[in-house]
Amino acid sequence: MNKIITYIKSILVPVIVGGVVGLIVSNFMDYNELQQPTFAPPSILFPIVWTILYILMGVSYGIIKSKNLTDEEIDRIYYMQLAINALWSIFFFVFKWRLFAFIWIIILIIAVIIMIKKFYEKNKIAGIIQIPYLLWILFASYLNLTIYFLNR
């Protein structure tokens, strides 16, 4: 039963963070009004993808936590990348700091790469589960930069 509770908590944390950020930025969302690159997905796709990614993030952390493999470094990088992730949306949508948001997402990419490496060292599956997250934020960085240039 303790492992189930660990997984539930591990999944709820990123899902709740993502939900709160979604509520904060919802009144500032201008994605559909922006000039977008050719490969820009429809706005309806973002909450679906992010929910899946937040669940995978929680599962990945839950694997490490349930096997008592967490340490101060793992916790620090995990929660740091989650905070960096949350702030990106605020910078991009609320403040409209598109270029700063691009620099910020590069920091997020670096943090996620470090997180994947640290998770993989503790548990291969926990690290591999984070690869879709990395791929998505790499794509998001492309969108961020092209939206910046198209809407200056």
N, C-alpha and C. Protein backbone atom coordinates (compact mmCIF):
# COMPACT_ATOMS: atom_id res chain seq x y z
N MET A 1 0.82 -1.21 0.00
CA MET A 1 0.00 0.00 0.00
C MET A 1 0.85 1.26 0.00
N ASN A 2 1.99 1.24 0.69
CA ASN A 2 2.87 2.41 0.73
C ASN A 2 3.38 2.78 -0.65
N LYS A 3 3.67 1.78 -1.50
CA LYS A 3 4.14 2.07 -2.85
C LYS A 3 3.05 2.75 -3.66
N ILE A 4 1.83 2.34 -3.49
CA ILE A 4 0.71 2.96 -4.21
C ILE A 4 0.58 4.42 -3.80
N ILE A 5 0.67 4.69 -2.53
CA ILE A 5 0.59 6.08 -2.03
C ILE A 5 1.77 6.89 -2.55
N THR A 6 2.94 6.28 -2.58
CA THR A 6 4.12 6.97 -3.12
C THR A 6 3.89 7.35 -4.57
N TYR A 7 3.35 6.42 -5.37
CA TYR A 7 3.09 6.73 -6.78
C TYR A 7 2.01 7.79 -6.92
N ILE A 8 0.96 7.69 -6.14
CA ILE A 8 -0.12 8.70 -6.22
C ILE A 8 0.43 10.09 -5.91
N LYS A 9 1.19 10.20 -4.82
CA LYS A 9 1.78 11.50 -4.47
C LYS A 9 2.73 11.97 -5.56
N SER A 10 3.54 11.05 -6.07
CA SER A 10 4.53 11.40 -7.10
C SER A 10 3.87 11.90 -8.37
N ILE A 11 2.73 11.33 -8.71
CA ILE A 11 2.01 11.75 -9.92
C ILE A 11 1.25 13.05 -9.66
N LEU A 12 0.64 13.16 -8.48
CA LEU A 12 -0.16 14.35 -8.19
C LEU A 12 0.66 15.63 -8.16
N VAL A 13 1.88 15.58 -7.66
CA VAL A 13 2.68 16.81 -7.55
C VAL A 13 2.86 17.49 -8.91
N PRO A 14 3.42 16.81 -9.93
CA PRO A 14 3.57 17.53 -11.21
C PRO A 14 2.24 17.85 -11.89
N VAL A 15 1.24 16.98 -11.72
CA VAL A 15 -0.07 17.26 -12.34
C VAL A 15 -0.70 18.50 -11.70
N ILE A 16 -0.59 18.62 -10.38
CA ILE A 16 -1.15 19.80 -9.70
C ILE A 16 -0.36 21.06 -10.07
N VAL A 17 0.96 20.96 -10.09
CA VAL A 17 1.78 22.12 -10.50
C VAL A 17 1.38 22.56 -11.90
N GLY A 18 1.28 21.60 -12.82
CA GLY A 18 0.88 21.93 -14.18
C GLY A 18 -0.52 22.53 -14.24
N GLY A 19 -1.43 22.00 -13.45
CA GLY A 19 -2.80 22.53 -13.42
C GLY A 19 -2.86 23.94 -12.88
N VAL A 20 -2.12 24.21 -11.83
CA VAL A 20 -2.09 25.56 -11.25
C VAL A 20 -1.50 26.55 -12.26
N VAL A 21 -0.41 26.16 -12.89
CA VAL A 21 0.20 27.04 -13.91
C VAL A 21 -0.80 27.25 -15.06
N GLY A 22 -1.49 26.19 -15.45
CA GLY A 22 -2.50 26.32 -16.50
C GLY A 22 -3.58 27.33 -16.13
N LEU A 23 -4.02 27.30 -14.89
CA LEU A 23 -5.03 28.27 -14.43
C LEU A 23 -4.46 29.68 -14.44
N ILE A 24 -3.22 29.83 -14.00
CA ILE A 24 -2.59 31.15 -13.97
C ILE A 24 -2.49 31.74 -15.37
N VAL A 25 -2.04 30.94 -16.33
CA VAL A 25 -1.79 31.48 -17.67
C VAL A 25 -3.03 31.50 -18.55
N SER A 26 -4.11 30.84 -18.14
CA SER A 26 -5.28 30.71 -19.02
C SER A 26 -5.85 32.07 -19.47
N ASN A 27 -5.82 33.06 -18.61
CA ASN A 27 -6.34 34.38 -18.98
C ASN A 27 -5.39 35.17 -19.87
N PHE A 28 -4.17 34.67 -20.04
CA PHE A 28 -3.15 35.37 -20.81
C PHE A 28 -2.79 34.62 -22.10
N MET A 29 -3.44 33.50 -22.33
CA MET A 29 -3.11 32.62 -23.44
C MET A 29 -3.41 33.32 -24.77
N ASP A 30 -2.36 33.50 -25.57
CA ASP A 30 -2.52 34.15 -26.87
C ASP A 30 -1.96 33.30 -28.00
N TYR A 31 -1.78 32.03 -27.75
CA TYR A 31 -1.16 31.12 -28.72
C TYR A 31 -1.85 31.18 -30.09
N ASN A 32 -3.17 31.15 -30.11
CA ASN A 32 -3.90 31.15 -31.39
C ASN A 32 -3.83 32.48 -32.13
N GLU A 33 -3.50 33.54 -31.44
CA GLU A 33 -3.38 34.85 -32.08
C GLU A 33 -1.98 35.11 -32.64
N LEU A 34 -1.04 34.29 -32.25
CA LEU A 34 0.35 34.49 -32.68
C LEU A 34 0.59 33.91 -34.06
N GLN A 35 1.50 34.55 -34.80
CA GLN A 35 1.99 33.94 -36.04
C GLN A 35 2.79 32.71 -35.63
N GLN A 36 2.52 31.59 -36.28
CA GLN A 36 3.14 30.34 -35.86
C GLN A 36 3.91 29.69 -37.00
N PRO A 37 4.91 28.89 -36.63
CA PRO A 37 5.65 28.16 -37.67
C PRO A 37 4.78 27.06 -38.28
N THR A 38 5.22 26.55 -39.38
CA THR A 38 4.47 25.54 -40.13
C THR A 38 4.09 24.33 -39.28
N PHE A 39 4.99 23.89 -38.44
CA PHE A 39 4.74 22.66 -37.69
C PHE A 39 4.11 22.90 -36.32
N ALA A 40 3.54 24.05 -36.11
CA ALA A 40 2.90 24.34 -34.83
C ALA A 40 1.65 23.49 -34.66
N PRO A 41 1.54 22.77 -33.55
CA PRO A 41 0.35 21.96 -33.32
C PRO A 41 -0.83 22.82 -32.90
N PRO A 42 -2.04 22.30 -33.02
CA PRO A 42 -3.21 23.05 -32.55
C PRO A 42 -3.16 23.19 -31.03
N SER A 43 -3.72 24.26 -30.52
CA SER A 43 -3.65 24.55 -29.08
C SER A 43 -4.28 23.46 -28.22
N ILE A 44 -5.27 22.75 -28.74
CA ILE A 44 -5.93 21.69 -27.96
C ILE A 44 -4.97 20.56 -27.60
N LEU A 45 -3.90 20.41 -28.37
CA LEU A 45 -2.94 19.33 -28.12
C LEU A 45 -2.10 19.56 -26.86
N PHE A 46 -1.84 20.81 -26.51
CA PHE A 46 -0.93 21.12 -25.40
C PHE A 46 -1.40 20.57 -24.05
N PRO A 47 -2.64 20.81 -23.62
CA PRO A 47 -3.02 20.26 -22.31
C PRO A 47 -3.02 18.73 -22.29
N ILE A 48 -3.30 18.11 -23.41
CA ILE A 48 -3.29 16.65 -23.48
C ILE A 48 -1.85 16.14 -23.32
N VAL A 49 -0.95 16.69 -24.11
CA VAL A 49 0.45 16.26 -24.06
C VAL A 49 1.05 16.54 -22.69
N TRP A 50 0.81 17.74 -22.16
CA TRP A 50 1.39 18.07 -20.87
C TRP A 50 0.86 17.20 -19.75
N THR A 51 -0.41 16.85 -19.78
CA THR A 51 -0.95 15.95 -18.76
C THR A 51 -0.25 14.60 -18.81
N ILE A 52 -0.07 14.07 -20.01
CA ILE A 52 0.64 12.80 -20.17
C ILE A 52 2.08 12.92 -19.66
N LEU A 53 2.75 14.00 -20.03
CA LEU A 53 4.13 14.19 -19.61
C LEU A 53 4.25 14.36 -18.09
N TYR A 54 3.32 15.08 -17.48
CA TYR A 54 3.35 15.23 -16.03
C TYR A 54 3.10 13.89 -15.34
N ILE A 55 2.21 13.09 -15.88
CA ILE A 55 1.97 11.75 -15.32
C ILE A 55 3.24 10.91 -15.44
N LEU A 56 3.87 10.93 -16.62
CA LEU A 56 5.11 10.16 -16.81
C LEU A 56 6.20 10.66 -15.86
N MET A 57 6.26 11.97 -15.67
CA MET A 57 7.23 12.55 -14.74
C MET A 57 7.00 11.99 -13.34
N GLY A 58 5.75 11.95 -12.92
CA GLY A 58 5.41 11.42 -11.61
C GLY A 58 5.69 9.93 -11.48
N VAL A 59 5.38 9.18 -12.52
CA VAL A 59 5.67 7.74 -12.51
C VAL A 59 7.17 7.51 -12.38
N SER A 60 7.93 8.25 -13.16
CA SER A 60 9.38 8.13 -13.14
C SER A 60 9.94 8.42 -11.75
N TYR A 61 9.51 9.52 -11.17
CA TYR A 61 9.96 9.86 -9.81
C TYR A 61 9.44 8.83 -8.81
N GLY A 62 8.22 8.37 -9.02
CA GLY A 62 7.63 7.35 -8.14
C GLY A 62 8.43 6.06 -8.13
N ILE A 63 8.96 5.67 -9.29
CA ILE A 63 9.80 4.47 -9.36
C ILE A 63 11.00 4.63 -8.44
N ILE A 64 11.65 5.78 -8.56
CA ILE A 64 12.86 6.03 -7.76
C ILE A 64 12.51 6.13 -6.27
N LYS A 65 11.44 6.84 -5.98
CA LYS A 65 11.02 7.04 -4.58
C LYS A 65 10.58 5.72 -3.95
N SER A 66 9.81 4.92 -4.68
CA SER A 66 9.30 3.67 -4.11
C SER A 66 10.40 2.64 -3.86
N LYS A 67 11.50 2.78 -4.56
CA LYS A 67 12.63 1.86 -4.37
C LYS A 67 13.68 2.45 -3.43
N ASN A 68 13.31 3.55 -2.75
CA ASN A 68 14.21 4.23 -1.82
C ASN A 68 15.55 4.60 -2.46
N LEU A 69 15.48 5.09 -3.70
CA LEU A 69 16.69 5.48 -4.43
C LEU A 69 16.87 6.99 -4.50
N THR A 70 15.96 7.72 -3.87
CA THR A 70 16.09 9.18 -3.90
C THR A 70 17.19 9.62 -2.93
N ASP A 71 17.75 10.75 -3.24
CA ASP A 71 18.71 11.39 -2.36
C ASP A 71 18.54 12.89 -2.56
N GLU A 72 19.32 13.66 -1.87
CA GLU A 72 19.18 15.12 -1.95
C GLU A 72 19.39 15.63 -3.38
N GLU A 73 20.34 15.06 -4.08
CA GLU A 73 20.63 15.49 -5.45
C GLU A 73 19.47 15.17 -6.40
N ILE A 74 18.92 13.98 -6.30
CA ILE A 74 17.78 13.58 -7.14
C ILE A 74 16.59 14.51 -6.86
N ASP A 75 16.28 14.70 -5.58
CA ASP A 75 15.16 15.58 -5.23
C ASP A 75 15.38 16.99 -5.74
N ARG A 76 16.58 17.50 -5.58
CA ARG A 76 16.90 18.87 -6.01
C ARG A 76 16.70 19.05 -7.51
N ILE A 77 17.26 18.15 -8.31
CA ILE A 77 17.14 18.31 -9.77
C ILE A 77 15.70 18.09 -10.23
N TYR A 78 15.00 17.16 -9.59
CA TYR A 78 13.61 16.89 -9.98
C TYR A 78 12.72 18.11 -9.72
N TYR A 79 12.79 18.63 -8.50
CA TYR A 79 11.93 19.77 -8.17
C TYR A 79 12.40 21.06 -8.84
N MET A 80 13.68 21.18 -9.07
CA MET A 80 14.20 22.35 -9.77
C MET A 80 13.67 22.37 -11.21
N GLN A 81 13.75 21.25 -11.92
CA GLN A 81 13.26 21.25 -13.29
C GLN A 81 11.76 21.48 -13.34
N LEU A 82 11.04 20.99 -12.33
CA LEU A 82 9.59 21.22 -12.27
C LEU A 82 9.30 22.71 -12.10
N ALA A 83 10.06 23.39 -11.26
CA ALA A 83 9.88 24.83 -11.06
C ALA A 83 10.27 25.62 -12.32
N ILE A 84 11.37 25.23 -12.94
CA ILE A 84 11.80 25.89 -14.19
C ILE A 84 10.71 25.71 -15.25
N ASN A 85 10.16 24.51 -15.34
CA ASN A 85 9.10 24.22 -16.28
C ASN A 85 7.90 25.13 -16.03
N ALA A 86 7.48 25.22 -14.77
CA ALA A 86 6.30 26.03 -14.43
C ALA A 86 6.52 27.50 -14.77
N LEU A 87 7.71 28.00 -14.50
CA LEU A 87 7.98 29.41 -14.76
C LEU A 87 8.03 29.75 -16.24
N TRP A 88 8.40 28.78 -17.09
CA TRP A 88 8.45 29.05 -18.52
C TRP A 88 7.10 29.56 -19.03
N SER A 89 6.03 28.88 -18.66
CA SER A 89 4.70 29.28 -19.14
C SER A 89 4.34 30.70 -18.70
N ILE A 90 4.74 31.04 -17.49
CA ILE A 90 4.46 32.38 -16.98
C ILE A 90 5.26 33.42 -17.76
N PHE A 91 6.53 33.14 -18.01
CA PHE A 91 7.35 34.07 -18.79
C PHE A 91 6.82 34.23 -20.21
N PHE A 92 6.44 33.12 -20.83
CA PHE A 92 6.01 33.14 -22.23
C PHE A 92 4.62 33.75 -22.40
N PHE A 93 3.66 33.33 -21.57
CA PHE A 93 2.28 33.75 -21.78
C PHE A 93 1.87 34.97 -20.95
N VAL A 94 2.24 35.01 -19.69
CA VAL A 94 1.79 36.12 -18.84
C VAL A 94 2.60 37.38 -19.14
N PHE A 95 3.92 37.26 -19.10
CA PHE A 95 4.77 38.43 -19.30
C PHE A 95 5.09 38.70 -20.77
N LYS A 96 4.85 37.71 -21.64
CA LYS A 96 5.13 37.83 -23.09
C LYS A 96 6.63 38.04 -23.35
N TRP A 97 7.45 37.50 -22.49
CA TRP A 97 8.91 37.58 -22.64
C TRP A 97 9.37 36.43 -23.51
N ARG A 98 9.09 36.49 -24.79
CA ARG A 98 9.32 35.35 -25.70
C ARG A 98 10.81 34.99 -25.82
N LEU A 99 11.68 35.98 -25.96
CA LEU A 99 13.10 35.67 -26.08
C LEU A 99 13.65 35.15 -24.74
N PHE A 100 13.28 35.80 -23.66
CA PHE A 100 13.70 35.32 -22.34
C PHE A 100 13.18 33.90 -22.10
N ALA A 101 11.95 33.63 -22.51
CA ALA A 101 11.38 32.29 -22.36
C ALA A 101 12.20 31.26 -23.14
N PHE A 102 12.71 31.66 -24.30
CA PHE A 102 13.56 30.74 -25.06
C PHE A 102 14.85 30.43 -24.29
N ILE A 103 15.47 31.43 -23.73
CA ILE A 103 16.68 31.21 -22.92
C ILE A 103 16.33 30.32 -21.72
N TRP A 104 15.17 30.58 -21.12
CA TRP A 104 14.72 29.81 -19.97
C TRP A 104 14.49 28.34 -20.33
N ILE A 105 13.94 28.10 -21.52
CA ILE A 105 13.67 26.71 -21.91
C ILE A 105 14.98 25.96 -22.19
N ILE A 106 16.01 26.69 -22.59
CA ILE A 106 17.33 26.05 -22.74
C ILE A 106 17.82 25.58 -21.37
N ILE A 107 17.60 26.40 -20.35
CA ILE A 107 17.95 26.01 -18.99
C ILE A 107 17.14 24.78 -18.59
N LEU A 108 15.86 24.76 -18.96
CA LEU A 108 15.01 23.60 -18.67
C LEU A 108 15.55 22.35 -19.36
N ILE A 109 15.94 22.48 -20.61
CA ILE A 109 16.49 21.33 -21.36
C ILE A 109 17.71 20.77 -20.63
N ILE A 110 18.59 21.65 -20.21
CA ILE A 110 19.79 21.21 -19.48
C ILE A 110 19.40 20.50 -18.19
N ALA A 111 18.46 21.07 -17.45
CA ALA A 111 18.01 20.46 -16.19
C ALA A 111 17.38 19.09 -16.44
N VAL A 112 16.60 18.97 -17.49
CA VAL A 112 15.95 17.69 -17.79
C VAL A 112 16.97 16.65 -18.22
N ILE A 113 17.97 17.06 -18.99
CA ILE A 113 19.04 16.12 -19.38
C ILE A 113 19.76 15.61 -18.13
N ILE A 114 20.06 16.51 -17.21
CA ILE A 114 20.71 16.10 -15.96
C ILE A 114 19.79 15.17 -15.18
N MET A 115 18.49 15.51 -15.11
CA MET A 115 17.54 14.67 -14.40
C MET A 115 17.48 13.27 -15.02
N ILE A 116 17.40 13.20 -16.34
CA ILE A 116 17.35 11.90 -17.01
C ILE A 116 18.60 11.09 -16.67
N LYS A 117 19.74 11.72 -16.74
CA LYS A 117 21.01 11.03 -16.42
C LYS A 117 21.00 10.49 -15.00
N LYS A 118 20.60 11.33 -14.04
CA LYS A 118 20.58 10.93 -12.63
C LYS A 118 19.54 9.83 -12.39
N PHE A 119 18.36 9.97 -13.00
CA PHE A 119 17.34 8.93 -12.85
C PHE A 119 17.83 7.62 -13.46
N TYR A 120 18.42 7.70 -14.65
CA TYR A 120 18.91 6.50 -15.35
C TYR A 120 19.96 5.77 -14.52
N GLU A 121 20.82 6.52 -13.84
CA GLU A 121 21.83 5.90 -12.98
C GLU A 121 21.21 5.14 -11.83
N LYS A 122 20.06 5.60 -11.35
CA LYS A 122 19.37 4.94 -10.23
C LYS A 122 18.48 3.79 -10.72
N ASN A 123 17.78 4.04 -11.86
CA ASN A 123 16.85 3.05 -12.41
C ASN A 123 16.67 3.37 -13.89
N LYS A 124 17.07 2.45 -14.75
CA LYS A 124 17.04 2.70 -16.21
C LYS A 124 15.65 3.09 -16.70
N ILE A 125 14.62 2.38 -16.25
CA ILE A 125 13.25 2.67 -16.70
C ILE A 125 12.85 4.10 -16.30
N ALA A 126 13.18 4.49 -15.07
CA ALA A 126 12.84 5.84 -14.60
C ALA A 126 13.48 6.91 -15.49
N GLY A 127 14.69 6.66 -15.96
CA GLY A 127 15.35 7.60 -16.86
C GLY A 127 14.73 7.60 -18.24
N ILE A 128 14.48 6.43 -18.78
CA ILE A 128 13.94 6.30 -20.14
C ILE A 128 12.54 6.91 -20.25
N ILE A 129 11.74 6.79 -19.20
CA ILE A 129 10.38 7.34 -19.20
C ILE A 129 10.40 8.85 -19.42
N GLN A 130 11.50 9.52 -19.12
CA GLN A 130 11.59 10.98 -19.26
C GLN A 130 11.98 11.44 -20.67
N ILE A 131 12.34 10.52 -21.55
CA ILE A 131 12.76 10.90 -22.90
C ILE A 131 11.65 11.62 -23.68
N PRO A 132 10.38 11.18 -23.61
CA PRO A 132 9.33 11.96 -24.31
C PRO A 132 9.25 13.41 -23.82
N TYR A 133 9.46 13.62 -22.54
CA TYR A 133 9.47 14.97 -21.97
C TYR A 133 10.58 15.80 -22.60
N LEU A 134 11.77 15.23 -22.67
CA LEU A 134 12.89 15.94 -23.30
C LEU A 134 12.58 16.25 -24.76
N LEU A 135 12.06 15.29 -25.49
CA LEU A 135 11.74 15.52 -26.91
C LEU A 135 10.69 16.62 -27.07
N TRP A 136 9.70 16.62 -26.19
CA TRP A 136 8.65 17.64 -26.27
C TRP A 136 9.20 19.03 -25.99
N ILE A 137 10.06 19.16 -24.98
CA ILE A 137 10.58 20.50 -24.70
C ILE A 137 11.60 20.94 -25.75
N LEU A 138 12.25 20.00 -26.41
CA LEU A 138 13.10 20.38 -27.55
C LEU A 138 12.21 20.95 -28.66
N PHE A 139 11.09 20.30 -28.92
CA PHE A 139 10.14 20.81 -29.91
C PHE A 139 9.56 22.16 -29.45
N ALA A 140 9.24 22.26 -28.16
CA ALA A 140 8.71 23.51 -27.62
C ALA A 140 9.72 24.65 -27.76
N SER A 141 11.00 24.32 -27.63
CA SER A 141 12.01 25.37 -27.79
C SER A 141 12.04 25.88 -29.23
N TYR A 142 11.87 24.97 -30.18
CA TYR A 142 11.76 25.36 -31.59
C TYR A 142 10.55 26.28 -31.78
N LEU A 143 9.41 25.89 -31.23
CA LEU A 143 8.20 26.72 -31.33
C LEU A 143 8.44 28.08 -30.68
N ASN A 144 9.01 28.08 -29.50
CA ASN A 144 9.27 29.32 -28.77
C ASN A 144 10.11 30.27 -29.61
N LEU A 145 11.22 29.78 -30.14
CA LEU A 145 12.12 30.65 -30.90
C LEU A 145 11.49 31.14 -32.19
N THR A 146 10.82 30.26 -32.91
CA THR A 146 10.21 30.69 -34.17
C THR A 146 9.04 31.65 -33.91
N ILE A 147 8.28 31.43 -32.85
CA ILE A 147 7.21 32.36 -32.51
C ILE A 147 7.80 33.73 -32.16
N TYR A 148 8.91 33.72 -31.44
CA TYR A 148 9.58 34.98 -31.12
C TYR A 148 9.92 35.74 -32.42
N PHE A 149 10.57 35.06 -33.36
CA PHE A 149 10.99 35.73 -34.61
C PHE A 149 9.80 36.13 -35.48
N LEU A 150 8.76 35.32 -35.50
CA LEU A 150 7.60 35.62 -36.35
C LEU A 150 6.72 36.74 -35.79
N ASN A 151 6.87 37.03 -34.50
CA ASN A 151 5.96 37.99 -33.85
C ASN A 151 6.67 39.20 -33.25
N ARG A 152 7.89 39.49 -33.72
CA ARG A 152 8.62 40.65 -33.19
C ARG A 152 8.02 41.92 -33.70
